[in-house]
Amino acid sequence: MSKTLDSLLESPLHAFGLAQRVATPTADNRVCAAELSHLGYLVLRGKPDDTSFMQGVSSVLGLALPTQATHIASSASAAVLWVSPDEWLLVCPRSQRDAVLAALTEALRGVFAQVVDNSGGLTTVRLSGPDHLLLLRQLSPFDFESLALGRCASTVASKAGLTVVRTDEAGVLLVFRRSFADYIWRLIERTARPYQLCITAPGYQADPVFAPLFEAI
């Protein structure tokens, strides 16, 4: 039986063998990390004051695009992160990516807008545990404690850009480019040594925004 293309995909962090390192955290493990690999990522651009654009997207996703800085919107089948006044990152189950892309393309036909599949270029890591915010303070100059739950922000970790999504009290999501994956993961592992980093399965302390999309793959 021939393999489908998706079955041949390798995670941006595959070289680190995270699946083979999964363990159950103990009280000594103050930070936990899990990669949510192979989600679908679509970059969506358009004008928030364009009714045809906003209604076209809403008709496909069943939710309204967030128009305020740092806000996110989510449902059982999609999450949308505000990136800039005319750009959003749509995250969905990888299995639904093609259908969502086709539906958005059709709904926005004739509208000044753009939908681009960037699924192969991004990945997400879930950081959780009692000291995850302490770790983040050492990774980036951003004031993570000031980021309200349900908000996102673009920042840097040392020399690499990423987006942090603070979904709940238990942890955050870090969304970053495949080209930065090795650099960011090595930075996380090195910085997290004092916190006894534990690699966990994606379902451990699952977040309420991306985890349902990952589980639907």
N, C-alpha and C. Protein backbone atom coordinates (compact mmCIF):
# COMPACT_ATOMS: atom_id res chain seq x y z
N MET A 1 0.85 -1.19 0.00
CA MET A 1 0.00 0.00 0.00
C MET A 1 0.89 1.24 0.00
N SER A 2 0.62 2.16 -0.90
CA SER A 2 1.43 3.36 -0.97
C SER A 2 1.08 4.30 0.17
N LYS A 3 2.07 5.02 0.65
CA LYS A 3 1.85 5.96 1.75
C LYS A 3 1.32 7.28 1.21
N THR A 4 0.44 7.91 1.97
CA THR A 4 -0.02 9.23 1.59
C THR A 4 1.08 10.23 1.89
N LEU A 5 0.98 11.41 1.30
CA LEU A 5 2.00 12.44 1.52
C LEU A 5 2.09 12.80 2.99
N ASP A 6 0.92 12.96 3.67
CA ASP A 6 0.94 13.35 5.08
C ASP A 6 1.63 12.31 5.95
N SER A 7 1.54 11.03 5.57
CA SER A 7 2.18 9.99 6.38
C SER A 7 3.70 10.06 6.29
N LEU A 8 4.22 10.77 5.29
CA LEU A 8 5.66 10.90 5.11
C LEU A 8 6.22 12.15 5.76
N LEU A 9 5.35 12.98 6.32
CA LEU A 9 5.80 14.22 6.92
C LEU A 9 6.66 13.99 8.15
N GLU A 10 7.67 14.81 8.30
CA GLU A 10 8.49 14.77 9.50
C GLU A 10 8.32 16.08 10.26
N SER A 11 8.20 15.98 11.56
CA SER A 11 8.08 17.17 12.40
C SER A 11 9.32 18.03 12.27
N PRO A 12 9.18 19.35 12.37
CA PRO A 12 10.36 20.23 12.37
C PRO A 12 11.35 19.88 13.48
N LEU A 13 10.89 19.20 14.53
CA LEU A 13 11.76 18.82 15.65
C LEU A 13 12.06 17.32 15.66
N HIS A 14 11.89 16.65 14.50
CA HIS A 14 12.04 15.19 14.48
C HIS A 14 13.44 14.74 14.86
N ALA A 15 14.45 15.57 14.59
CA ALA A 15 15.84 15.17 14.87
C ALA A 15 16.11 15.01 16.37
N PHE A 16 15.24 15.57 17.20
CA PHE A 16 15.45 15.50 18.65
C PHE A 16 14.76 14.29 19.29
N GLY A 17 14.05 13.51 18.49
CA GLY A 17 13.44 12.29 19.00
C GLY A 17 12.53 12.50 20.19
N LEU A 18 11.69 13.51 20.14
CA LEU A 18 10.86 13.85 21.29
C LEU A 18 9.88 12.74 21.66
N ALA A 19 9.34 12.06 20.65
CA ALA A 19 8.36 11.00 20.93
C ALA A 19 8.97 9.88 21.76
N GLN A 20 10.25 9.62 21.56
CA GLN A 20 10.92 8.55 22.30
C GLN A 20 11.34 9.01 23.70
N ARG A 21 11.27 10.28 23.96
CA ARG A 21 11.71 10.84 25.25
C ARG A 21 10.54 11.19 26.16
N VAL A 22 9.33 10.88 25.74
CA VAL A 22 8.15 11.23 26.53
C VAL A 22 8.17 10.51 27.87
N ALA A 23 7.87 11.25 28.93
CA ALA A 23 7.85 10.68 30.28
C ALA A 23 6.73 11.32 31.08
N THR A 24 6.43 10.72 32.22
CA THR A 24 5.44 11.28 33.14
C THR A 24 6.15 12.20 34.13
N PRO A 25 5.76 13.46 34.20
CA PRO A 25 6.46 14.41 35.08
C PRO A 25 6.34 14.03 36.57
N THR A 26 7.36 14.39 37.31
CA THR A 26 7.33 14.25 38.77
C THR A 26 7.36 15.65 39.38
N ALA A 27 7.38 15.71 40.69
CA ALA A 27 7.43 17.01 41.36
C ALA A 27 8.71 17.76 41.06
N ASP A 28 9.76 17.05 40.66
CA ASP A 28 11.04 17.69 40.35
C ASP A 28 11.02 18.40 39.00
N ASN A 29 10.10 18.00 38.12
CA ASN A 29 10.01 18.59 36.78
C ASN A 29 9.15 19.85 36.84
N ARG A 30 9.83 21.00 36.84
CA ARG A 30 9.13 22.27 37.01
C ARG A 30 8.64 22.87 35.69
N VAL A 31 9.15 22.33 34.56
CA VAL A 31 8.70 22.76 33.23
C VAL A 31 8.52 21.52 32.36
N CYS A 32 7.44 21.52 31.60
CA CYS A 32 7.17 20.43 30.66
C CYS A 32 7.02 21.00 29.26
N ALA A 33 7.35 20.19 28.27
CA ALA A 33 7.25 20.64 26.87
C ALA A 33 6.74 19.52 25.99
N ALA A 34 5.91 19.87 25.03
CA ALA A 34 5.40 18.90 24.06
C ALA A 34 5.21 19.61 22.73
N GLU A 35 5.59 18.95 21.65
CA GLU A 35 5.35 19.54 20.33
C GLU A 35 3.99 19.10 19.81
N LEU A 36 3.22 20.07 19.32
CA LEU A 36 1.97 19.79 18.62
C LEU A 36 2.29 19.85 17.13
N SER A 37 2.72 18.72 16.61
CA SER A 37 3.25 18.71 15.24
C SER A 37 2.15 18.52 14.20
N HIS A 38 2.43 18.98 13.00
CA HIS A 38 1.59 18.74 11.82
C HIS A 38 0.18 19.28 11.92
N LEU A 39 0.04 20.45 12.51
CA LEU A 39 -1.23 21.16 12.42
C LEU A 39 -1.29 21.87 11.07
N GLY A 40 -2.46 22.37 10.72
CA GLY A 40 -2.60 23.15 9.50
C GLY A 40 -2.48 24.63 9.83
N TYR A 41 -1.70 25.37 9.04
CA TYR A 41 -1.51 26.81 9.28
C TYR A 41 -1.79 27.57 7.97
N LEU A 42 -2.75 28.46 8.02
CA LEU A 42 -3.07 29.28 6.86
C LEU A 42 -2.89 30.75 7.22
N VAL A 43 -2.17 31.48 6.39
CA VAL A 43 -2.00 32.92 6.58
C VAL A 43 -3.12 33.61 5.82
N LEU A 44 -3.86 34.45 6.52
CA LEU A 44 -5.02 35.11 5.95
C LEU A 44 -4.81 36.62 6.01
N ARG A 45 -4.99 37.28 4.86
CA ARG A 45 -4.81 38.74 4.80
C ARG A 45 -6.01 39.38 4.13
N GLY A 46 -6.41 40.53 4.66
CA GLY A 46 -7.54 41.26 4.12
C GLY A 46 -7.79 42.50 4.96
N LYS A 47 -8.78 43.27 4.61
CA LYS A 47 -9.08 44.51 5.30
C LYS A 47 -10.21 44.29 6.31
N PRO A 48 -9.96 44.60 7.58
CA PRO A 48 -11.00 44.37 8.59
C PRO A 48 -12.24 45.24 8.41
N ASP A 49 -12.13 46.34 7.63
CA ASP A 49 -13.30 47.19 7.39
C ASP A 49 -14.01 46.81 6.09
N ASP A 50 -13.58 45.70 5.47
CA ASP A 50 -14.22 45.20 4.26
C ASP A 50 -15.26 44.16 4.66
N THR A 51 -16.52 44.53 4.56
CA THR A 51 -17.60 43.63 4.99
C THR A 51 -17.58 42.32 4.22
N SER A 52 -17.30 42.36 2.93
CA SER A 52 -17.28 41.13 2.13
C SER A 52 -16.20 40.18 2.62
N PHE A 53 -15.05 40.74 2.98
CA PHE A 53 -13.96 39.92 3.49
C PHE A 53 -14.32 39.30 4.84
N MET A 54 -14.77 40.12 5.76
CA MET A 54 -15.07 39.64 7.11
C MET A 54 -16.21 38.62 7.09
N GLN A 55 -17.25 38.88 6.32
CA GLN A 55 -18.38 37.95 6.26
C GLN A 55 -18.00 36.67 5.52
N GLY A 56 -17.16 36.79 4.49
CA GLY A 56 -16.72 35.60 3.76
C GLY A 56 -15.95 34.65 4.65
N VAL A 57 -15.04 35.19 5.45
CA VAL A 57 -14.25 34.36 6.37
C VAL A 57 -15.16 33.74 7.43
N SER A 58 -16.05 34.55 8.00
CA SER A 58 -16.95 34.07 9.04
C SER A 58 -17.87 32.96 8.54
N SER A 59 -18.28 33.05 7.28
CA SER A 59 -19.17 32.03 6.73
C SER A 59 -18.50 30.67 6.62
N VAL A 60 -17.19 30.68 6.47
CA VAL A 60 -16.43 29.42 6.38
C VAL A 60 -16.04 28.90 7.76
N LEU A 61 -15.53 29.79 8.60
CA LEU A 61 -14.99 29.37 9.89
C LEU A 61 -16.04 29.26 10.99
N GLY A 62 -17.16 29.97 10.81
CA GLY A 62 -18.17 29.97 11.86
C GLY A 62 -17.79 30.82 13.05
N LEU A 63 -16.82 31.70 12.87
CA LEU A 63 -16.42 32.65 13.92
C LEU A 63 -15.89 33.91 13.27
N ALA A 64 -15.94 34.99 14.02
CA ALA A 64 -15.49 36.28 13.49
C ALA A 64 -14.00 36.46 13.72
N LEU A 65 -13.32 37.06 12.76
CA LEU A 65 -11.90 37.34 12.92
C LEU A 65 -11.70 38.36 14.04
N PRO A 66 -10.74 38.15 14.92
CA PRO A 66 -10.46 39.16 15.95
C PRO A 66 -9.84 40.39 15.30
N THR A 67 -10.32 41.55 15.66
CA THR A 67 -9.81 42.79 15.06
C THR A 67 -9.00 43.63 16.04
N GLN A 68 -8.93 43.22 17.29
CA GLN A 68 -8.14 43.94 18.28
C GLN A 68 -6.79 43.27 18.46
N ALA A 69 -5.76 44.08 18.63
CA ALA A 69 -4.39 43.57 18.77
C ALA A 69 -4.31 42.54 19.89
N THR A 70 -3.57 41.48 19.64
CA THR A 70 -3.26 40.37 20.55
C THR A 70 -4.43 39.42 20.79
N HIS A 71 -5.60 39.70 20.25
CA HIS A 71 -6.75 38.84 20.53
C HIS A 71 -6.72 37.58 19.67
N ILE A 72 -7.38 36.55 20.17
CA ILE A 72 -7.54 35.31 19.42
C ILE A 72 -9.02 34.94 19.43
N ALA A 73 -9.40 34.09 18.46
CA ALA A 73 -10.75 33.54 18.41
C ALA A 73 -10.61 32.05 18.14
N SER A 74 -11.48 31.26 18.72
CA SER A 74 -11.34 29.82 18.52
C SER A 74 -12.68 29.12 18.58
N SER A 75 -12.71 27.95 17.96
CA SER A 75 -13.87 27.07 17.99
C SER A 75 -13.34 25.64 18.07
N ALA A 76 -14.20 24.67 17.96
CA ALA A 76 -13.76 23.28 18.03
C ALA A 76 -12.94 22.87 16.82
N SER A 77 -13.01 23.66 15.73
CA SER A 77 -12.33 23.25 14.50
C SER A 77 -11.30 24.25 13.99
N ALA A 78 -11.12 25.37 14.68
CA ALA A 78 -10.16 26.37 14.20
C ALA A 78 -9.77 27.34 15.32
N ALA A 79 -8.59 27.91 15.17
CA ALA A 79 -8.13 28.99 16.04
C ALA A 79 -7.55 30.06 15.15
N VAL A 80 -7.83 31.31 15.46
CA VAL A 80 -7.34 32.43 14.66
C VAL A 80 -6.57 33.38 15.56
N LEU A 81 -5.32 33.66 15.20
CA LEU A 81 -4.48 34.57 15.97
C LEU A 81 -4.35 35.89 15.22
N TRP A 82 -4.55 37.00 15.92
CA TRP A 82 -4.31 38.32 15.33
C TRP A 82 -2.81 38.50 15.17
N VAL A 83 -2.35 38.86 13.98
CA VAL A 83 -0.93 39.08 13.72
C VAL A 83 -0.64 40.56 13.52
N SER A 84 -1.47 41.21 12.72
CA SER A 84 -1.34 42.64 12.46
C SER A 84 -2.72 43.13 12.02
N PRO A 85 -2.91 44.45 11.81
CA PRO A 85 -4.25 44.95 11.45
C PRO A 85 -4.85 44.31 10.21
N ASP A 86 -4.03 43.74 9.32
CA ASP A 86 -4.60 43.11 8.12
C ASP A 86 -4.11 41.68 7.92
N GLU A 87 -3.67 41.02 9.00
CA GLU A 87 -3.15 39.66 8.86
C GLU A 87 -3.52 38.81 10.07
N TRP A 88 -3.88 37.55 9.79
CA TRP A 88 -4.25 36.60 10.82
C TRP A 88 -3.60 35.25 10.51
N LEU A 89 -3.34 34.47 11.55
CA LEU A 89 -2.86 33.11 11.38
C LEU A 89 -3.98 32.17 11.78
N LEU A 90 -4.45 31.39 10.82
CA LEU A 90 -5.51 30.43 11.05
C LEU A 90 -4.89 29.05 11.29
N VAL A 91 -5.23 28.43 12.41
CA VAL A 91 -4.71 27.10 12.75
C VAL A 91 -5.89 26.13 12.75
N CYS A 92 -5.69 24.98 12.11
CA CYS A 92 -6.77 23.99 12.00
C CYS A 92 -6.17 22.59 12.00
N PRO A 93 -6.99 21.56 12.15
CA PRO A 93 -6.46 20.20 12.02
C PRO A 93 -5.86 20.01 10.63
N ARG A 94 -4.74 19.32 10.53
CA ARG A 94 -4.08 19.13 9.24
C ARG A 94 -5.01 18.43 8.25
N SER A 95 -5.85 17.52 8.75
CA SER A 95 -6.75 16.78 7.88
C SER A 95 -7.81 17.66 7.24
N GLN A 96 -8.07 18.82 7.83
CA GLN A 96 -9.10 19.72 7.31
C GLN A 96 -8.52 20.90 6.54
N ARG A 97 -7.20 20.98 6.47
CA ARG A 97 -6.54 22.14 5.87
C ARG A 97 -6.98 22.38 4.43
N ASP A 98 -6.93 21.35 3.60
CA ASP A 98 -7.25 21.53 2.18
C ASP A 98 -8.68 22.00 1.98
N ALA A 99 -9.60 21.43 2.77
CA ALA A 99 -11.00 21.81 2.64
C ALA A 99 -11.21 23.25 3.08
N VAL A 100 -10.56 23.65 4.17
CA VAL A 100 -10.69 25.02 4.66
C VAL A 100 -10.09 26.01 3.65
N LEU A 101 -8.92 25.65 3.12
CA LEU A 101 -8.26 26.51 2.13
C LEU A 101 -9.14 26.69 0.90
N ALA A 102 -9.72 25.61 0.41
CA ALA A 102 -10.59 25.69 -0.77
C ALA A 102 -11.85 26.51 -0.49
N ALA A 103 -12.43 26.31 0.70
CA ALA A 103 -13.65 27.03 1.05
C ALA A 103 -13.39 28.53 1.19
N LEU A 104 -12.27 28.89 1.81
CA LEU A 104 -11.93 30.31 1.96
C LEU A 104 -11.64 30.94 0.60
N THR A 105 -10.91 30.22 -0.23
CA THR A 105 -10.60 30.73 -1.57
C THR A 105 -11.87 31.03 -2.36
N GLU A 106 -12.84 30.12 -2.26
CA GLU A 106 -14.10 30.31 -2.97
C GLU A 106 -14.92 31.45 -2.35
N ALA A 107 -14.97 31.50 -1.03
CA ALA A 107 -15.77 32.54 -0.35
C ALA A 107 -15.21 33.94 -0.58
N LEU A 108 -13.90 34.01 -0.83
CA LEU A 108 -13.25 35.32 -1.00
C LEU A 108 -12.96 35.63 -2.47
N ARG A 109 -13.56 34.88 -3.37
CA ARG A 109 -13.36 35.14 -4.80
C ARG A 109 -13.86 36.54 -5.14
N GLY A 110 -13.01 37.34 -5.76
CA GLY A 110 -13.37 38.70 -6.13
C GLY A 110 -13.19 39.71 -5.01
N VAL A 111 -12.74 39.23 -3.84
CA VAL A 111 -12.50 40.11 -2.69
C VAL A 111 -11.01 40.40 -2.59
N PHE A 112 -10.65 41.60 -2.17
CA PHE A 112 -9.24 41.94 -1.99
C PHE A 112 -8.73 41.21 -0.74
N ALA A 113 -8.16 40.04 -0.95
CA ALA A 113 -7.74 39.19 0.16
C ALA A 113 -6.73 38.16 -0.33
N GLN A 114 -6.10 37.49 0.62
CA GLN A 114 -5.12 36.46 0.28
C GLN A 114 -5.16 35.37 1.33
N VAL A 115 -5.14 34.11 0.88
CA VAL A 115 -5.07 32.96 1.78
C VAL A 115 -3.92 32.09 1.31
N VAL A 116 -2.94 31.84 2.19
CA VAL A 116 -1.74 31.09 1.81
C VAL A 116 -1.52 29.95 2.81
N ASP A 117 -1.28 28.76 2.29
CA ASP A 117 -0.99 27.61 3.13
C ASP A 117 0.47 27.66 3.58
N ASN A 118 0.70 27.70 4.88
CA ASN A 118 2.06 27.71 5.42
C ASN A 118 2.26 26.56 6.40
N SER A 119 1.52 25.47 6.18
CA SER A 119 1.53 24.35 7.12
C SER A 119 2.90 23.70 7.26
N GLY A 120 3.67 23.67 6.18
CA GLY A 120 4.99 23.06 6.24
C GLY A 120 6.04 23.95 6.88
N GLY A 121 5.68 25.21 7.13
CA GLY A 121 6.68 26.16 7.60
C GLY A 121 6.61 26.52 9.07
N LEU A 122 5.66 25.94 9.81
CA LEU A 122 5.48 26.31 11.21
C LEU A 122 5.29 25.08 12.09
N THR A 123 5.56 25.23 13.36
CA THR A 123 5.22 24.21 14.34
C THR A 123 4.90 24.90 15.66
N THR A 124 4.36 24.13 16.60
CA THR A 124 3.96 24.68 17.90
C THR A 124 4.48 23.80 19.03
N VAL A 125 4.98 24.43 20.07
CA VAL A 125 5.40 23.73 21.28
C VAL A 125 4.57 24.24 22.44
N ARG A 126 4.06 23.33 23.23
CA ARG A 126 3.33 23.67 24.45
C ARG A 126 4.30 23.62 25.63
N LEU A 127 4.44 24.73 26.32
CA LEU A 127 5.22 24.80 27.55
C LEU A 127 4.26 24.89 28.73
N SER A 128 4.47 24.06 29.74
CA SER A 128 3.61 24.10 30.91
C SER A 128 4.45 23.77 32.14
N GLY A 129 3.78 23.65 33.26
CA GLY A 129 4.49 23.36 34.50
C GLY A 129 4.56 24.58 35.41
N PRO A 130 4.85 24.37 36.69
CA PRO A 130 4.83 25.47 37.67
C PRO A 130 5.75 26.64 37.35
N ASP A 131 6.88 26.35 36.67
CA ASP A 131 7.86 27.41 36.43
C ASP A 131 7.98 27.80 34.96
N HIS A 132 6.93 27.54 34.17
CA HIS A 132 7.05 27.86 32.74
C HIS A 132 7.22 29.35 32.50
N LEU A 133 6.62 30.20 33.33
CA LEU A 133 6.78 31.64 33.15
C LEU A 133 8.20 32.09 33.53
N LEU A 134 8.79 31.43 34.53
CA LEU A 134 10.18 31.75 34.88
C LEU A 134 11.10 31.42 33.72
N LEU A 135 10.85 30.30 33.08
CA LEU A 135 11.65 29.93 31.91
C LEU A 135 11.49 30.96 30.80
N LEU A 136 10.26 31.39 30.56
CA LEU A 136 10.01 32.35 29.49
C LEU A 136 10.72 33.67 29.74
N ARG A 137 10.82 34.08 31.00
CA ARG A 137 11.54 35.32 31.32
C ARG A 137 12.99 35.26 30.86
N GLN A 138 13.57 34.07 30.91
CA GLN A 138 14.97 33.91 30.50
C GLN A 138 15.12 33.76 29.00
N LEU A 139 14.05 33.39 28.33
CA LEU A 139 14.11 33.20 26.88
C LEU A 139 13.89 34.50 26.11
N SER A 140 13.13 35.42 26.69
CA SER A 140 12.69 36.58 25.92
C SER A 140 12.54 37.80 26.82
N PRO A 141 12.69 39.01 26.27
CA PRO A 141 12.49 40.23 27.05
C PRO A 141 11.02 40.59 27.25
N PHE A 142 10.12 39.86 26.61
CA PHE A 142 8.70 40.19 26.68
C PHE A 142 8.16 39.95 28.09
N ASP A 143 7.24 40.80 28.53
CA ASP A 143 6.61 40.66 29.84
C ASP A 143 5.43 39.70 29.73
N PHE A 144 5.72 38.41 29.87
CA PHE A 144 4.69 37.40 29.65
C PHE A 144 3.57 37.46 30.69
N GLU A 145 3.90 37.84 31.92
CA GLU A 145 2.87 37.92 32.94
C GLU A 145 1.80 38.95 32.61
N SER A 146 2.17 39.96 31.82
CA SER A 146 1.20 41.01 31.46
C SER A 146 0.28 40.58 30.33
N LEU A 147 0.59 39.47 29.68
CA LEU A 147 -0.24 38.98 28.58
C LEU A 147 -1.45 38.24 29.16
N ALA A 148 -2.62 38.78 28.93
CA ALA A 148 -3.83 38.20 29.50
C ALA A 148 -4.12 36.84 28.89
N LEU A 149 -4.85 36.01 29.62
CA LEU A 149 -5.27 34.72 29.10
C LEU A 149 -6.13 34.93 27.87
N GLY A 150 -5.93 34.08 26.87
CA GLY A 150 -6.67 34.23 25.63
C GLY A 150 -6.10 35.27 24.69
N ARG A 151 -4.85 35.66 24.91
CA ARG A 151 -4.20 36.65 24.05
C ARG A 151 -2.92 36.07 23.46
N CYS A 152 -2.40 36.71 22.41
CA CYS A 152 -1.16 36.28 21.77
C CYS A 152 -0.29 37.49 21.47
N ALA A 153 1.00 37.26 21.29
CA ALA A 153 1.91 38.36 20.98
C ALA A 153 3.12 37.82 20.24
N SER A 154 3.61 38.60 19.30
CA SER A 154 4.84 38.25 18.59
C SER A 154 6.02 38.84 19.33
N THR A 155 7.06 38.05 19.52
CA THR A 155 8.23 38.51 20.26
C THR A 155 9.45 37.75 19.74
N VAL A 156 10.52 37.78 20.50
CA VAL A 156 11.74 37.06 20.11
C VAL A 156 12.21 36.21 21.27
N ALA A 157 12.87 35.10 20.92
CA ALA A 157 13.59 34.28 21.89
C ALA A 157 15.04 34.34 21.45
N SER A 158 15.83 35.10 22.17
CA SER A 158 17.21 35.38 21.75
C SER A 158 17.18 36.00 20.35
N LYS A 159 17.64 35.28 19.33
CA LYS A 159 17.72 35.85 17.99
C LYS A 159 16.61 35.39 17.05
N ALA A 160 15.64 34.64 17.56
CA ALA A 160 14.61 34.07 16.69
C ALA A 160 13.23 34.61 17.04
N GLY A 161 12.43 34.88 16.03
CA GLY A 161 11.08 35.35 16.26
C GLY A 161 10.11 34.21 16.52
N LEU A 162 9.09 34.48 17.31
CA LEU A 162 8.04 33.49 17.58
C LEU A 162 6.79 34.21 18.05
N THR A 163 5.71 33.47 18.09
CA THR A 163 4.45 33.98 18.63
C THR A 163 4.10 33.18 19.87
N VAL A 164 3.81 33.87 20.96
CA VAL A 164 3.41 33.21 22.20
C VAL A 164 1.91 33.38 22.37
N VAL A 165 1.24 32.28 22.67
CA VAL A 165 -0.20 32.30 22.89
C VAL A 165 -0.46 31.84 24.32
N ARG A 166 -0.97 32.75 25.13
CA ARG A 166 -1.23 32.39 26.53
C ARG A 166 -2.69 31.94 26.64
N THR A 167 -2.90 30.64 26.53
CA THR A 167 -4.25 30.10 26.45
C THR A 167 -4.89 29.87 27.81
N ASP A 168 -4.07 29.60 28.85
CA ASP A 168 -4.60 29.26 30.16
C ASP A 168 -3.51 29.45 31.19
N GLU A 169 -3.85 29.25 32.46
CA GLU A 169 -2.89 29.46 33.54
C GLU A 169 -1.80 28.40 33.55
N ALA A 170 -2.10 27.23 33.02
CA ALA A 170 -1.17 26.10 33.13
C ALA A 170 0.03 26.21 32.19
N GLY A 171 -0.11 26.97 31.10
CA GLY A 171 1.00 27.02 30.16
C GLY A 171 0.74 27.96 28.99
N VAL A 172 1.66 27.91 28.03
CA VAL A 172 1.58 28.75 26.83
C VAL A 172 1.87 27.90 25.60
N LEU A 173 1.55 28.45 24.45
CA LEU A 173 1.93 27.86 23.16
C LEU A 173 2.97 28.75 22.52
N LEU A 174 4.00 28.14 21.97
CA LEU A 174 4.99 28.88 21.20
C LEU A 174 4.89 28.42 19.75
N VAL A 175 4.58 29.36 18.86
CA VAL A 175 4.45 29.06 17.43
C VAL A 175 5.65 29.69 16.73
N PHE A 176 6.39 28.86 15.98
CA PHE A 176 7.58 29.40 15.33
C PHE A 176 7.86 28.69 14.00
N ARG A 177 8.73 29.30 13.22
CA ARG A 177 9.03 28.81 11.88
C ARG A 177 9.89 27.55 11.93
N ARG A 178 9.71 26.71 10.92
CA ARG A 178 10.53 25.51 10.79
C ARG A 178 12.01 25.87 10.72
N SER A 179 12.33 26.98 10.07
CA SER A 179 13.73 27.36 9.93
C SER A 179 14.37 27.75 11.26
N PHE A 180 13.54 28.09 12.26
CA PHE A 180 14.05 28.44 13.58
C PHE A 180 13.95 27.27 14.56
N ALA A 181 13.39 26.15 14.12
CA ALA A 181 13.01 25.09 15.05
C ALA A 181 14.19 24.55 15.85
N ASP A 182 15.28 24.19 15.17
CA ASP A 182 16.44 23.65 15.88
C ASP A 182 16.97 24.66 16.89
N TYR A 183 17.09 25.89 16.46
CA TYR A 183 17.65 26.94 17.32
C TYR A 183 16.79 27.15 18.56
N ILE A 184 15.47 27.27 18.37
CA ILE A 184 14.59 27.54 19.49
C ILE A 184 14.53 26.35 20.44
N TRP A 185 14.47 25.13 19.89
CA TRP A 185 14.40 23.97 20.78
C TRP A 185 15.68 23.82 21.60
N ARG A 186 16.82 24.00 20.99
CA ARG A 186 18.08 23.92 21.75
C ARG A 186 18.13 25.00 22.83
N LEU A 187 17.61 26.17 22.51
CA LEU A 187 17.57 27.26 23.47
C LEU A 187 16.67 26.89 24.66
N ILE A 188 15.51 26.30 24.36
CA ILE A 188 14.60 25.88 25.42
C ILE A 188 15.25 24.83 26.31
N GLU A 189 15.84 23.82 25.69
CA GLU A 189 16.45 22.74 26.48
C GLU A 189 17.59 23.25 27.36
N ARG A 190 18.42 24.09 26.80
CA ARG A 190 19.56 24.60 27.58
C ARG A 190 19.09 25.49 28.74
N THR A 191 18.14 26.37 28.45
CA THR A 191 17.67 27.30 29.48
C THR A 191 16.85 26.58 30.55
N ALA A 192 16.21 25.47 30.19
CA ALA A 192 15.33 24.77 31.13
C ALA A 192 16.04 23.76 32.02
N ARG A 193 17.35 23.62 31.90
CA ARG A 193 18.06 22.64 32.73
C ARG A 193 17.82 22.82 34.22
N PRO A 194 17.83 24.05 34.76
CA PRO A 194 17.57 24.20 36.19
C PRO A 194 16.16 23.79 36.61
N TYR A 195 15.25 23.71 35.64
CA TYR A 195 13.86 23.39 35.95
C TYR A 195 13.53 21.92 35.68
N GLN A 196 14.54 21.11 35.35
CA GLN A 196 14.34 19.68 35.11
C GLN A 196 13.26 19.45 34.05
N LEU A 197 13.53 19.95 32.85
CA LEU A 197 12.57 19.85 31.75
C LEU A 197 12.15 18.40 31.51
N CYS A 198 10.84 18.21 31.35
CA CYS A 198 10.29 16.89 31.05
C CYS A 198 9.57 16.97 29.71
N ILE A 199 9.88 16.04 28.81
CA ILE A 199 9.17 15.95 27.53
C ILE A 199 7.91 15.14 27.76
N THR A 200 6.76 15.71 27.44
CA THR A 200 5.50 15.03 27.68
C THR A 200 4.75 14.78 26.38
N ALA A 201 3.73 13.95 26.47
CA ALA A 201 2.82 13.75 25.34
C ALA A 201 1.98 15.01 25.16
N PRO A 202 1.51 15.28 23.94
CA PRO A 202 0.74 16.51 23.69
C PRO A 202 -0.49 16.64 24.58
N GLY A 203 -1.04 15.51 25.03
CA GLY A 203 -2.26 15.56 25.83
C GLY A 203 -2.04 15.93 27.28
N TYR A 204 -0.78 15.99 27.74
CA TYR A 204 -0.51 16.33 29.13
C TYR A 204 -0.71 17.83 29.34
N GLN A 205 -1.53 18.19 30.31
CA GLN A 205 -1.88 19.60 30.57
C GLN A 205 -2.26 20.29 29.25
N ALA A 206 -3.13 19.64 28.51
CA ALA A 206 -3.53 20.14 27.19
C ALA A 206 -4.17 21.52 27.29
N ASP A 207 -3.84 22.39 26.35
CA ASP A 207 -4.42 23.72 26.34
C ASP A 207 -5.82 23.66 25.71
N PRO A 208 -6.66 24.66 25.94
CA PRO A 208 -8.03 24.62 25.43
C PRO A 208 -8.20 25.13 24.00
N VAL A 209 -7.13 25.60 23.36
CA VAL A 209 -7.26 26.21 22.03
C VAL A 209 -6.69 25.32 20.92
N PHE A 210 -5.42 24.95 21.02
CA PHE A 210 -4.80 24.13 19.98
C PHE A 210 -5.00 22.64 20.17
N ALA A 211 -5.06 22.19 21.42
CA ALA A 211 -5.14 20.75 21.70
C ALA A 211 -6.32 20.07 20.99
N PRO A 212 -7.52 20.67 20.98
CA PRO A 212 -8.62 20.02 20.26
C PRO A 212 -8.34 19.87 18.76
N LEU A 213 -7.59 20.81 18.18
CA LEU A 213 -7.25 20.73 16.76
C LEU A 213 -6.24 19.61 16.52
N PHE A 214 -5.29 19.45 17.42
CA PHE A 214 -4.30 18.41 17.30
C PHE A 214 -4.95 17.04 17.45
N GLU A 215 -5.85 16.92 18.39
CA GLU A 215 -6.52 15.64 18.64
C GLU A 215 -7.43 15.24 17.50
N ALA A 216 -7.83 16.23 16.68
CA ALA A 216 -8.74 15.94 15.56
C ALA A 216 -7.99 15.49 14.31
N ILE A 217 -6.65 15.44 14.37
CA ILE A 217 -5.87 15.05 13.18
C ILE A 217 -6.16 13.61 12.82
